[in-house]
């Protein structure tokens, strides 16, 4: 399966913030939207980085409350791990695990087209397992 299928199910909306947005403002966006990360972008189309809850916690642990006044660019993960719509979900799972990232921007011709989270990948994987389980159950219950 490809990432494009995940985007069809979840949509292509991506929350972005500017690189100079204060981290406190980004935290407000994360809380208000109930999301785990935002894409940092100067123009809303190109990915400068990704700022996640983990990045904010790391900043707070190292710099205290003063970290909240710093711009998003200071704490964002950059360069961001990205993929394209034709990337396989298997590659994406392996890369997310290996690189320890939970949010991957999807690019088309270098421009932002969506964002896939580990939750999206897990949801898809669980659905596939449930479908396989149902097929096997039906076969066992009615083999002919």
Foldseek 3Di string as FASTA:
>chain_A
DWQLVLCVVVPADAAEDEQQDFQLVVVVVCVVVVHFKHFYDNVQWAGQFIDGPVLVVVQCVVPNPVSRRGGNNVRGDPPFAEEERRHHLVVVVVCCVVVVHFKHFYDDPRTGGHIHGVVSSVVVVVVVVVVVVVVVVVCVVPVD
